[in-house]
Structures are given as C-alpha cells and as structure tokens.
C-alpha cells in the first residue's frame, strides 16, 4: 500500500519550456546500457569482489 505501481515519463514540459527532446528511446537506452556493461566488464566486475565490498563498508561505515 502506498507504493506507486507505475512511473510514466512525460517530457512535454521540458520540450515546451526548453525545446529539449530525448536522443534515446527507452528501448535504445536500455540496449546501450546493457551493451556498455557487457563491453566494460573490467571496470565493474572488481566492484563485486569481497575486498572491494569490505573497503566500501569500512569507508562508508555500513554494517
């Protein structure tokens, strides 16, 4: 209860006031994001290591 069931993006106001329109559709943006993660494993995979997780918890004092 109380949680939104759906989020709808409407860029009408920003288009009217600033003339901005998105360069990506939802589908192309998701595709680009997935491709980035697939092509940049060396950047994000170390973040999954227990060493990094320990460092992160220590620096940000998370329990």
C-alpha atoms as a PDB file:
ATOM      1  CA  UNK A   1       0.000   0.000   0.000  1.00  0.00           C
ATOM      2  CA  UNK A   2       1.132   3.490  -0.768  1.00  0.00           C
ATOM      3  CA  UNK A   3       3.703   2.497  -3.355  1.00  0.00           C
ATOM      4  CA  UNK A   4       3.448   3.680  -6.914  1.00  0.00           C
ATOM      5  CA  UNK A   5       2.641   0.846  -9.263  1.00  0.00           C
ATOM      6  CA  UNK A   6       3.788   2.642 -12.386  1.00  0.00           C
ATOM      7  CA  UNK A   7       6.042   5.508 -13.391  1.00  0.00           C
ATOM      8  CA  UNK A   8       5.303   7.261 -16.663  1.00  0.00           C
ATOM      9  CA  UNK A   9       7.808   9.650 -18.185  1.00  0.00           C
ATOM     10  CA  UNK A  10       6.393  12.705 -19.914  1.00  0.00           C
ATOM     11  CA  UNK A  11       8.917  15.110 -21.444  1.00  0.00           C
ATOM     12  CA  UNK A  12       6.235  17.552 -22.656  1.00  0.00           C
ATOM     13  CA  UNK A  13       7.069  20.313 -20.165  1.00  0.00           C
ATOM     14  CA  UNK A  14      10.814  20.294 -20.795  1.00  0.00           C
ATOM     15  CA  UNK A  15      10.186  20.263 -24.555  1.00  0.00           C
ATOM     16  CA  UNK A  16       7.803  23.229 -24.300  1.00  0.00           C
ATOM     17  CA  UNK A  17       9.979  25.288 -21.964  1.00  0.00           C
ATOM     18  CA  UNK A  18      13.479  24.432 -23.187  1.00  0.00           C
ATOM     19  CA  UNK A  19      12.973  22.835 -26.585  1.00  0.00           C
ATOM     20  CA  UNK A  20      14.681  19.657 -25.365  1.00  0.00           C
ATOM     21  CA  UNK A  21      13.827  16.234 -26.731  1.00  0.00           C
ATOM     22  CA  UNK A  22      15.463  12.943 -25.740  1.00  0.00           C
ATOM     23  CA  UNK A  23      18.005  11.439 -28.131  1.00  0.00           C
ATOM     24  CA  UNK A  24      17.271   7.910 -26.954  1.00  0.00           C
ATOM     25  CA  UNK A  25      14.101   5.892 -26.729  1.00  0.00           C
ATOM     26  CA  UNK A  26      13.615   3.664 -23.707  1.00  0.00           C
ATOM     27  CA  UNK A  27      14.490   0.645 -25.847  1.00  0.00           C
ATOM     28  CA  UNK A  28      17.643   2.154 -27.366  1.00  0.00           C
ATOM     29  CA  UNK A  29      18.749   3.490 -23.978  1.00  0.00           C
ATOM     30  CA  UNK A  30      18.360   0.088 -22.332  1.00  0.00           C
ATOM     31  CA  UNK A  31      20.181  -1.563 -25.225  1.00  0.00           C
ATOM     32  CA  UNK A  32      23.054   0.947 -24.936  1.00  0.00           C
ATOM     33  CA  UNK A  33      23.263   0.439 -21.178  1.00  0.00           C
ATOM     34  CA  UNK A  34      23.363  -3.358 -21.442  1.00  0.00           C
ATOM     35  CA  UNK A  35      25.997  -3.132 -24.187  1.00  0.00           C
ATOM     36  CA  UNK A  36      28.107  -0.816 -22.025  1.00  0.00           C
ATOM     37  CA  UNK A  37      28.073  -3.301 -19.148  1.00  0.00           C
ATOM     38  CA  UNK A  38      28.893  -6.189 -21.485  1.00  0.00           C
ATOM     39  CA  UNK A  39      31.775  -4.262 -23.068  1.00  0.00           C
ATOM     40  CA  UNK A  40      33.207  -2.847 -19.817  1.00  0.00           C
ATOM     41  CA  UNK A  41      33.371  -5.842 -17.501  1.00  0.00           C
ATOM     42  CA  UNK A  42      36.901  -4.897 -16.427  1.00  0.00           C
ATOM     43  CA  UNK A  43      35.506  -1.705 -14.911  1.00  0.00           C
ATOM     44  CA  UNK A  44      32.571  -3.085 -12.908  1.00  0.00           C
ATOM     45  CA  UNK A  45      33.425  -6.704 -12.073  1.00  0.00           C
ATOM     46  CA  UNK A  46      36.053  -5.772  -9.452  1.00  0.00           C
ATOM     47  CA  UNK A  47      33.275  -3.980  -7.567  1.00  0.00           C
ATOM     48  CA  UNK A  48      31.745  -7.387  -6.828  1.00  0.00           C
ATOM     49  CA  UNK A  49      34.826  -8.696  -5.011  1.00  0.00           C
ATOM     50  CA  UNK A  50      34.779  -9.226  -1.262  1.00  0.00           C
ATOM     51  CA  UNK A  51      37.859  -6.996  -0.957  1.00  0.00           C
ATOM     52  CA  UNK A  52      36.050  -4.073  -2.538  1.00  0.00           C
ATOM     53  CA  UNK A  53      32.911  -4.728  -0.509  1.00  0.00           C
ATOM     54  CA  UNK A  54      34.972  -4.690   2.708  1.00  0.00           C
ATOM     55  CA  UNK A  55      36.668  -1.456   1.658  1.00  0.00           C
ATOM     56  CA  UNK A  56      33.330   0.146   0.787  1.00  0.00           C
ATOM     57  CA  UNK A  57      31.752  -0.843   4.099  1.00  0.00           C
ATOM     58  CA  UNK A  58      34.765   0.457   6.031  1.00  0.00           C
ATOM     59  CA  UNK A  59      34.915   3.790   4.206  1.00  0.00           C
ATOM     60  CA  UNK A  60      31.187   4.415   4.370  1.00  0.00           C
ATOM     61  CA  UNK A  61      30.720   2.759   7.795  1.00  0.00           C
ATOM     62  CA  UNK A  62      27.981   0.432   6.661  1.00  0.00           C
ATOM     63  CA  UNK A  63      27.125  -2.612   8.699  1.00  0.00           C
END
